[in-house]
Amino acid sequence: MKIISVALNLLFLPEPWRQWMFGTGTRALEGLNALMLLGWAWVMAFADGVLALPSYSRFANLPLSLVCGLFALVGILLAAFLPSETPRSNVISGWLLLAASMLWVLVTASFWGGYPPANTAMVIYPVLALISWWAGILLIENSKHQMEKAQGV
């Protein structure tokens, strides 16, 4: 069990690499998520014909204003916390990455529900959901560890 924990928490990496992963790497993922979520919110809000396409038709079953609002809110908050690098803001960013992950699961379900035809989105969004979830969990854990270390716990 310890081996799995070490692997999932990237503890086998040298400290400079872990710092890069939780600094630059995670920031890039946050920026990507923010841009993609805002793009989805914009398309769903203003492109009426999109929901008529088979791959997007499952979104017609949901309250569109709520879905657009969630995508926009999480995207805006991710973008807002992007420049901040304090452990507390990193915990919030981690939770926002978890929220983004759940939204990507929703997108994945929509594309899988529109099968056939098979398309690349059936692979891209579940991978993005998993990476966002994993990065969110690790960012929260790493930031809490930094806060405890700073307090001398």
N, C-alpha and C. Protein backbone atom coordinates (compact mmCIF):
# COMPACT_ATOMS: atom_id res chain seq x y z
N MET A 1 0.83 -1.20 0.00
CA MET A 1 0.00 0.00 0.00
C MET A 1 0.87 1.26 0.00
N LYS A 2 2.00 1.19 0.70
CA LYS A 2 2.91 2.33 0.76
C LYS A 2 3.47 2.65 -0.63
N ILE A 3 3.74 1.62 -1.43
CA ILE A 3 4.27 1.83 -2.78
C ILE A 3 3.26 2.58 -3.63
N ILE A 4 1.99 2.23 -3.51
CA ILE A 4 0.94 2.92 -4.27
C ILE A 4 0.85 4.38 -3.85
N SER A 5 0.92 4.63 -2.55
CA SER A 5 0.86 6.01 -2.05
C SER A 5 2.05 6.83 -2.56
N VAL A 6 3.23 6.24 -2.53
CA VAL A 6 4.42 6.94 -3.03
C VAL A 6 4.26 7.25 -4.51
N ALA A 7 3.75 6.28 -5.27
CA ALA A 7 3.59 6.48 -6.72
C ALA A 7 2.54 7.55 -7.02
N LEU A 8 1.38 7.46 -6.37
CA LEU A 8 0.30 8.41 -6.65
C LEU A 8 0.63 9.82 -6.19
N ASN A 9 1.39 9.93 -5.13
CA ASN A 9 1.75 11.25 -4.61
C ASN A 9 3.05 11.78 -5.19
N LEU A 10 3.62 11.04 -6.13
CA LEU A 10 4.84 11.44 -6.83
C LEU A 10 6.01 11.65 -5.87
N LEU A 11 6.02 10.91 -4.76
CA LEU A 11 7.09 11.07 -3.77
C LEU A 11 8.42 10.53 -4.26
N PHE A 12 8.42 9.74 -5.32
CA PHE A 12 9.65 9.19 -5.86
C PHE A 12 10.44 10.23 -6.66
N LEU A 13 9.79 11.34 -7.01
CA LEU A 13 10.46 12.37 -7.80
C LEU A 13 11.38 13.21 -6.91
N PRO A 14 12.49 13.69 -7.45
CA PRO A 14 13.33 14.63 -6.69
C PRO A 14 12.52 15.89 -6.35
N GLU A 15 12.88 16.51 -5.25
CA GLU A 15 12.13 17.68 -4.76
C GLU A 15 12.01 18.80 -5.78
N PRO A 16 13.07 19.15 -6.54
CA PRO A 16 12.89 20.21 -7.55
C PRO A 16 11.84 19.86 -8.61
N TRP A 17 11.76 18.61 -8.96
CA TRP A 17 10.76 18.20 -9.95
C TRP A 17 9.36 18.28 -9.36
N ARG A 18 9.22 17.89 -8.10
CA ARG A 18 7.90 18.00 -7.44
C ARG A 18 7.49 19.46 -7.34
N GLN A 19 8.46 20.33 -7.03
CA GLN A 19 8.14 21.76 -6.94
C GLN A 19 7.69 22.29 -8.30
N TRP A 20 8.34 21.84 -9.38
CA TRP A 20 7.92 22.26 -10.71
C TRP A 20 6.52 21.74 -11.00
N MET A 21 6.28 20.48 -10.65
CA MET A 21 4.99 19.85 -10.91
C MET A 21 3.86 20.62 -10.22
N PHE A 22 4.09 21.00 -8.96
CA PHE A 22 3.04 21.69 -8.21
C PHE A 22 3.08 23.19 -8.42
N GLY A 23 4.06 23.68 -9.14
CA GLY A 23 4.13 25.10 -9.49
C GLY A 23 3.72 25.29 -10.92
N THR A 24 4.68 25.26 -11.81
CA THR A 24 4.44 25.53 -13.23
C THR A 24 3.48 24.54 -13.87
N GLY A 25 3.68 23.25 -13.62
CA GLY A 25 2.84 22.23 -14.25
C GLY A 25 1.37 22.36 -13.88
N THR A 26 1.11 22.54 -12.60
CA THR A 26 -0.28 22.66 -12.15
C THR A 26 -0.88 23.99 -12.60
N ARG A 27 -0.09 25.04 -12.60
CA ARG A 27 -0.59 26.34 -13.08
C ARG A 27 -1.00 26.24 -14.55
N ALA A 28 -0.21 25.54 -15.34
CA ALA A 28 -0.56 25.37 -16.75
C ALA A 28 -1.87 24.60 -16.89
N LEU A 29 -2.05 23.57 -16.07
CA LEU A 29 -3.30 22.80 -16.10
C LEU A 29 -4.48 23.66 -15.66
N GLU A 30 -4.28 24.49 -14.65
CA GLU A 30 -5.34 25.40 -14.21
C GLU A 30 -5.71 26.37 -15.32
N GLY A 31 -4.71 26.93 -15.99
CA GLY A 31 -4.98 27.85 -17.10
C GLY A 31 -5.71 27.17 -18.24
N LEU A 32 -5.29 25.96 -18.58
CA LEU A 32 -5.96 25.19 -19.63
C LEU A 32 -7.41 24.92 -19.26
N ASN A 33 -7.64 24.49 -18.02
CA ASN A 33 -9.01 24.24 -17.56
C ASN A 33 -9.84 25.51 -17.61
N ALA A 34 -9.28 26.62 -17.14
CA ALA A 34 -10.02 27.89 -17.13
C ALA A 34 -10.44 28.28 -18.54
N LEU A 35 -9.50 28.23 -19.48
CA LEU A 35 -9.82 28.60 -20.86
C LEU A 35 -10.85 27.66 -21.48
N MET A 36 -10.69 26.37 -21.25
CA MET A 36 -11.64 25.42 -21.83
C MET A 36 -13.03 25.56 -21.21
N LEU A 37 -13.10 25.75 -19.90
CA LEU A 37 -14.40 25.91 -19.25
C LEU A 37 -15.10 27.18 -19.73
N LEU A 38 -14.35 28.27 -19.84
CA LEU A 38 -14.94 29.51 -20.34
C LEU A 38 -15.37 29.36 -21.79
N GLY A 39 -14.59 28.64 -22.58
CA GLY A 39 -14.98 28.37 -23.96
C GLY A 39 -16.26 27.57 -24.05
N TRP A 40 -16.37 26.54 -23.22
CA TRP A 40 -17.60 25.75 -23.20
C TRP A 40 -18.79 26.59 -22.76
N ALA A 41 -18.60 27.42 -21.74
CA ALA A 41 -19.70 28.27 -21.26
C ALA A 41 -20.16 29.21 -22.37
N TRP A 42 -19.21 29.81 -23.08
CA TRP A 42 -19.55 30.73 -24.16
C TRP A 42 -20.30 30.02 -25.27
N VAL A 43 -19.80 28.87 -25.70
CA VAL A 43 -20.45 28.13 -26.79
C VAL A 43 -21.86 27.71 -26.39
N MET A 44 -22.02 27.21 -25.17
CA MET A 44 -23.35 26.77 -24.75
C MET A 44 -24.31 27.93 -24.59
N ALA A 45 -23.80 29.09 -24.23
CA ALA A 45 -24.67 30.24 -24.04
C ALA A 45 -25.07 30.90 -25.35
N PHE A 46 -24.18 30.91 -26.33
CA PHE A 46 -24.44 31.71 -27.53
C PHE A 46 -24.55 30.94 -28.84
N ALA A 47 -24.18 29.69 -28.88
CA ALA A 47 -24.25 28.92 -30.13
C ALA A 47 -25.43 27.96 -30.06
N ASP A 48 -26.58 28.43 -30.50
CA ASP A 48 -27.82 27.67 -30.38
C ASP A 48 -27.79 26.33 -31.11
N GLY A 49 -27.18 26.27 -32.26
CA GLY A 49 -27.19 25.06 -33.07
C GLY A 49 -26.35 23.93 -32.52
N VAL A 50 -25.47 24.22 -31.57
CA VAL A 50 -24.57 23.19 -31.04
C VAL A 50 -25.36 22.07 -30.35
N LEU A 51 -26.38 22.43 -29.60
CA LEU A 51 -27.12 21.41 -28.86
C LEU A 51 -27.93 20.50 -29.77
N ALA A 52 -28.10 20.87 -31.02
CA ALA A 52 -28.80 20.01 -31.97
C ALA A 52 -27.89 18.90 -32.50
N LEU A 53 -26.58 19.05 -32.34
CA LEU A 53 -25.65 18.02 -32.79
C LEU A 53 -25.74 16.79 -31.87
N PRO A 54 -25.63 15.59 -32.43
CA PRO A 54 -25.80 14.37 -31.62
C PRO A 54 -24.86 14.28 -30.41
N SER A 55 -23.63 14.69 -30.56
CA SER A 55 -22.67 14.58 -29.46
C SER A 55 -22.99 15.52 -28.30
N TYR A 56 -23.68 16.60 -28.58
CA TYR A 56 -23.99 17.60 -27.56
C TYR A 56 -25.45 17.53 -27.10
N SER A 57 -26.23 16.65 -27.70
CA SER A 57 -27.68 16.64 -27.45
C SER A 57 -28.03 16.32 -26.01
N ARG A 58 -27.18 15.61 -25.29
CA ARG A 58 -27.48 15.27 -23.89
C ARG A 58 -27.54 16.51 -23.00
N PHE A 59 -26.86 17.57 -23.39
CA PHE A 59 -26.91 18.80 -22.61
C PHE A 59 -28.29 19.46 -22.68
N ALA A 60 -29.08 19.13 -23.69
CA ALA A 60 -30.42 19.70 -23.82
C ALA A 60 -31.32 19.21 -22.68
N ASN A 61 -30.95 18.09 -22.03
CA ASN A 61 -31.74 17.55 -20.93
C ASN A 61 -31.47 18.27 -19.61
N LEU A 62 -30.46 19.11 -19.58
CA LEU A 62 -30.07 19.81 -18.36
C LEU A 62 -30.48 21.28 -18.44
N PRO A 63 -30.68 21.92 -17.29
CA PRO A 63 -30.95 23.36 -17.32
C PRO A 63 -29.71 24.10 -17.84
N LEU A 64 -29.81 24.62 -19.05
CA LEU A 64 -28.66 25.20 -19.74
C LEU A 64 -28.05 26.38 -18.99
N SER A 65 -28.89 27.21 -18.38
CA SER A 65 -28.35 28.36 -17.65
C SER A 65 -27.51 27.90 -16.45
N LEU A 66 -27.93 26.83 -15.80
CA LEU A 66 -27.16 26.30 -14.67
C LEU A 66 -25.82 25.73 -15.15
N VAL A 67 -25.86 24.96 -16.23
CA VAL A 67 -24.63 24.37 -16.76
C VAL A 67 -23.66 25.47 -17.22
N CYS A 68 -24.17 26.44 -17.97
CA CYS A 68 -23.32 27.57 -18.42
C CYS A 68 -22.75 28.32 -17.22
N GLY A 69 -23.60 28.55 -16.23
CA GLY A 69 -23.15 29.26 -15.03
C GLY A 69 -22.06 28.52 -14.29
N LEU A 70 -22.20 27.20 -14.15
CA LEU A 70 -21.17 26.42 -13.47
C LEU A 70 -19.85 26.43 -14.23
N PHE A 71 -19.94 26.23 -15.56
CA PHE A 71 -18.73 26.25 -16.37
C PHE A 71 -18.05 27.62 -16.25
N ALA A 72 -18.82 28.68 -16.36
CA ALA A 72 -18.26 30.04 -16.29
C ALA A 72 -17.69 30.33 -14.90
N LEU A 73 -18.43 29.97 -13.85
CA LEU A 73 -17.98 30.25 -12.49
C LEU A 73 -16.66 29.55 -12.18
N VAL A 74 -16.60 28.26 -12.46
CA VAL A 74 -15.36 27.52 -12.17
C VAL A 74 -14.22 28.05 -13.03
N GLY A 75 -14.50 28.35 -14.30
CA GLY A 75 -13.46 28.90 -15.18
C GLY A 75 -12.94 30.24 -14.70
N ILE A 76 -13.84 31.13 -14.30
CA ILE A 76 -13.44 32.46 -13.81
C ILE A 76 -12.65 32.34 -12.51
N LEU A 77 -13.12 31.49 -11.60
CA LEU A 77 -12.40 31.32 -10.33
C LEU A 77 -11.02 30.71 -10.53
N LEU A 78 -10.92 29.73 -11.42
CA LEU A 78 -9.60 29.16 -11.72
C LEU A 78 -8.66 30.23 -12.26
N ALA A 79 -9.17 31.06 -13.16
CA ALA A 79 -8.35 32.13 -13.73
C ALA A 79 -7.98 33.16 -12.65
N ALA A 80 -8.90 33.43 -11.74
CA ALA A 80 -8.65 34.42 -10.69
C ALA A 80 -7.58 33.96 -9.71
N PHE A 81 -7.57 32.66 -9.38
CA PHE A 81 -6.59 32.15 -8.43
C PHE A 81 -5.28 31.75 -9.09
N LEU A 82 -5.21 31.81 -10.39
CA LEU A 82 -4.01 31.41 -11.13
C LEU A 82 -2.75 32.16 -10.71
N PRO A 83 -2.78 33.49 -10.56
CA PRO A 83 -1.54 34.20 -10.21
C PRO A 83 -1.07 34.00 -8.77
N SER A 84 -1.97 33.62 -7.88
CA SER A 84 -1.63 33.49 -6.47
C SER A 84 -0.93 32.15 -6.21
N GLU A 85 0.11 32.18 -5.38
CA GLU A 85 0.87 30.96 -5.10
C GLU A 85 0.99 30.67 -3.62
N THR A 86 0.08 31.18 -2.80
CA THR A 86 0.13 30.87 -1.38
C THR A 86 -0.46 29.48 -1.15
N PRO A 87 -0.07 28.82 -0.07
CA PRO A 87 -0.64 27.50 0.19
C PRO A 87 -2.16 27.52 0.30
N ARG A 88 -2.70 28.58 0.91
CA ARG A 88 -4.16 28.66 1.06
C ARG A 88 -4.84 28.79 -0.31
N SER A 89 -4.31 29.64 -1.18
CA SER A 89 -4.91 29.78 -2.52
C SER A 89 -4.72 28.50 -3.33
N ASN A 90 -3.63 27.78 -3.06
CA ASN A 90 -3.43 26.51 -3.75
C ASN A 90 -4.46 25.47 -3.33
N VAL A 91 -4.86 25.49 -2.07
CA VAL A 91 -5.92 24.58 -1.62
C VAL A 91 -7.21 24.90 -2.36
N ILE A 92 -7.53 26.19 -2.47
CA ILE A 92 -8.74 26.59 -3.20
C ILE A 92 -8.62 26.19 -4.67
N SER A 93 -7.46 26.41 -5.26
CA SER A 93 -7.25 26.00 -6.65
C SER A 93 -7.40 24.49 -6.81
N GLY A 94 -6.94 23.74 -5.82
CA GLY A 94 -7.10 22.29 -5.85
C GLY A 94 -8.56 21.89 -5.86
N TRP A 95 -9.36 22.54 -5.02
CA TRP A 95 -10.80 22.26 -5.00
C TRP A 95 -11.46 22.67 -6.32
N LEU A 96 -11.00 23.75 -6.90
CA LEU A 96 -11.54 24.17 -8.20
C LEU A 96 -11.16 23.18 -9.29
N LEU A 97 -9.97 22.61 -9.21
CA LEU A 97 -9.60 21.56 -10.17
C LEU A 97 -10.49 20.33 -10.00
N LEU A 98 -10.85 20.01 -8.76
CA LEU A 98 -11.78 18.90 -8.53
C LEU A 98 -13.16 19.22 -9.12
N ALA A 99 -13.61 20.46 -8.98
CA ALA A 99 -14.89 20.86 -9.57
C ALA A 99 -14.81 20.79 -11.09
N ALA A 100 -13.70 21.25 -11.66
CA ALA A 100 -13.52 21.17 -13.12
C ALA A 100 -13.53 19.72 -13.56
N SER A 101 -12.93 18.86 -12.77
CA SER A 101 -12.92 17.43 -13.09
C SER A 101 -14.35 16.88 -13.18
N MET A 102 -15.19 17.29 -12.26
CA MET A 102 -16.59 16.82 -12.30
C MET A 102 -17.32 17.36 -13.53
N LEU A 103 -17.01 18.58 -13.91
CA LEU A 103 -17.63 19.13 -15.13
C LEU A 103 -17.15 18.38 -16.37
N TRP A 104 -15.88 17.97 -16.38
CA TRP A 104 -15.38 17.19 -17.52
C TRP A 104 -16.01 15.80 -17.54
N VAL A 105 -16.36 15.27 -16.37
CA VAL A 105 -17.10 14.00 -16.33
C VAL A 105 -18.47 14.19 -16.96
N LEU A 106 -19.11 15.32 -16.69
CA LEU A 106 -20.40 15.63 -17.32
C LEU A 106 -20.27 15.71 -18.83
N VAL A 107 -19.23 16.36 -19.31
CA VAL A 107 -18.98 16.45 -20.76
C VAL A 107 -18.73 15.05 -21.33
N THR A 108 -17.94 14.26 -20.62
CA THR A 108 -17.67 12.89 -21.06
C THR A 108 -18.96 12.09 -21.19
N ALA A 109 -19.82 12.20 -20.19
CA ALA A 109 -21.10 11.47 -20.24
C ALA A 109 -21.93 11.91 -21.44
N SER A 110 -21.89 13.19 -21.75
CA SER A 110 -22.63 13.69 -22.91
C SER A 110 -22.10 13.08 -24.20
N PHE A 111 -20.80 13.05 -24.36
CA PHE A 111 -20.22 12.49 -25.58
C PHE A 111 -20.43 10.99 -25.66
N TRP A 112 -20.30 10.30 -24.54
CA TRP A 112 -20.53 8.86 -24.56
C TRP A 112 -22.01 8.55 -24.81
N GLY A 113 -22.89 9.42 -24.31
CA GLY A 113 -24.32 9.23 -24.55
C GLY A 113 -24.69 9.47 -26.00
N GLY A 114 -23.89 10.23 -26.71
CA GLY A 114 -24.15 10.50 -28.12
C GLY A 114 -23.52 9.47 -29.05
N TYR A 115 -22.98 8.39 -28.49
CA TYR A 115 -22.34 7.35 -29.31
C TYR A 115 -23.40 6.53 -30.01
N PRO A 116 -23.28 6.10 -31.22
CA PRO A 116 -22.24 6.42 -32.17
C PRO A 116 -22.45 7.80 -32.76
N PRO A 117 -21.56 8.40 -33.35
CA PRO A 117 -20.26 7.92 -33.78
C PRO A 117 -19.21 8.12 -32.70
N ALA A 118 -18.17 7.32 -32.77
CA ALA A 118 -17.02 7.50 -31.88
C ALA A 118 -16.27 8.76 -32.30
N ASN A 119 -15.73 9.45 -31.32
CA ASN A 119 -14.96 10.66 -31.63
C ASN A 119 -13.87 10.85 -30.58
N THR A 120 -12.96 11.74 -30.86
CA THR A 120 -11.81 11.94 -29.97
C THR A 120 -12.22 12.50 -28.61
N ALA A 121 -13.33 13.20 -28.55
CA ALA A 121 -13.78 13.76 -27.27
C ALA A 121 -14.13 12.66 -26.27
N MET A 122 -14.42 11.47 -26.76
CA MET A 122 -14.74 10.36 -25.87
C MET A 122 -13.50 9.91 -25.10
N VAL A 123 -12.33 10.31 -25.54
CA VAL A 123 -11.07 9.97 -24.87
C VAL A 123 -10.47 11.20 -24.19
N ILE A 124 -10.51 12.34 -24.85
CA ILE A 124 -9.85 13.54 -24.34
C ILE A 124 -10.45 14.01 -23.01
N TYR A 125 -11.77 14.09 -22.92
CA TYR A 125 -12.38 14.64 -21.71
C TYR A 125 -12.27 13.72 -20.50
N PRO A 126 -12.37 12.38 -20.65
CA PRO A 126 -12.11 11.56 -19.46
C PRO A 126 -10.65 11.67 -18.98
N VAL A 127 -9.72 11.78 -19.92
CA VAL A 127 -8.31 11.95 -19.54
C VAL A 127 -8.13 13.29 -18.83
N LEU A 128 -8.73 14.35 -19.35
CA LEU A 128 -8.65 15.66 -18.71
C LEU A 128 -9.29 15.62 -17.32
N ALA A 129 -10.41 14.90 -17.19
CA ALA A 129 -11.06 14.76 -15.88
C ALA A 129 -10.13 14.06 -14.89
N LEU A 130 -9.50 12.97 -15.31
CA LEU A 130 -8.60 12.24 -14.42
C LEU A 130 -7.38 13.06 -14.03
N ILE A 131 -6.78 13.74 -15.00
CA ILE A 131 -5.60 14.56 -14.71
C ILE A 131 -5.97 15.72 -13.79
N SER A 132 -7.11 16.36 -14.03
CA SER A 132 -7.54 17.48 -13.19
C SER A 132 -7.84 17.00 -11.77
N TRP A 133 -8.49 15.83 -11.67
CA TRP A 133 -8.80 15.27 -10.35
C TRP A 133 -7.51 14.96 -9.59
N TRP A 134 -6.59 14.28 -10.26
CA TRP A 134 -5.33 13.90 -9.63
C TRP A 134 -4.54 15.13 -9.22
N ALA A 135 -4.44 16.11 -10.10
CA ALA A 135 -3.70 17.34 -9.78
C ALA A 135 -4.37 18.09 -8.63
N GLY A 136 -5.70 18.12 -8.61
CA GLY A 136 -6.41 18.79 -7.53
C GLY A 136 -6.14 18.14 -6.18
N ILE A 137 -6.22 16.80 -6.14
CA ILE A 137 -5.95 16.08 -4.89
C ILE A 137 -4.52 16.33 -4.43
N LEU A 138 -3.57 16.19 -5.35
CA LEU A 138 -2.16 16.38 -4.99
C LEU A 138 -1.87 17.82 -4.57
N LEU A 139 -2.48 18.79 -5.24
CA LEU A 139 -2.27 20.20 -4.89
C LEU A 139 -2.81 20.49 -3.49
N ILE A 140 -3.98 19.96 -3.17
CA ILE A 140 -4.55 20.14 -1.84
C ILE A 140 -3.64 19.52 -0.78
N GLU A 141 -3.24 18.26 -1.01
CA GLU A 141 -2.39 17.55 -0.04
C GLU A 141 -1.05 18.26 0.14
N ASN A 142 -0.42 18.64 -0.96
CA ASN A 142 0.88 19.30 -0.90
C ASN A 142 0.77 20.65 -0.19
N SER A 143 -0.29 21.40 -0.47
CA SER A 143 -0.47 22.72 0.15
C SER A 143 -0.76 22.60 1.64
N LYS A 144 -1.57 21.61 2.03
CA LYS A 144 -1.83 21.39 3.45
C LYS A 144 -0.54 21.01 4.17
N HIS A 145 0.27 20.19 3.52
CA HIS A 145 1.56 19.80 4.09
C HIS A 145 2.45 21.03 4.28
N GLN A 146 2.45 21.93 3.30
CA GLN A 146 3.25 23.17 3.40
C GLN A 146 2.74 24.04 4.55
N MET A 147 1.41 24.13 4.72
CA MET A 147 0.86 24.96 5.80
C MET A 147 1.21 24.36 7.16
N GLU A 148 1.13 23.03 7.29
CA GLU A 148 1.50 22.37 8.55
C GLU A 148 2.98 22.57 8.85
N LYS A 149 3.80 22.48 7.82
CA LYS A 149 5.25 22.66 7.97
C LYS A 149 5.56 24.08 8.43
N ALA A 150 4.84 25.07 7.88
CA ALA A 150 5.05 26.47 8.25
C ALA A 150 4.62 26.74 9.69
N GLN A 151 3.61 26.00 10.16
CA GLN A 151 3.12 26.17 11.52
C GLN A 151 3.93 25.35 12.52
N GLY A 152 4.81 24.50 12.01
CA GLY A 152 5.64 23.68 12.88
C GLY A 152 4.94 22.45 13.41
N VAL A 153 3.90 22.00 12.72
CA VAL A 153 3.15 20.81 13.17
C VAL A 153 3.83 19.56 12.71
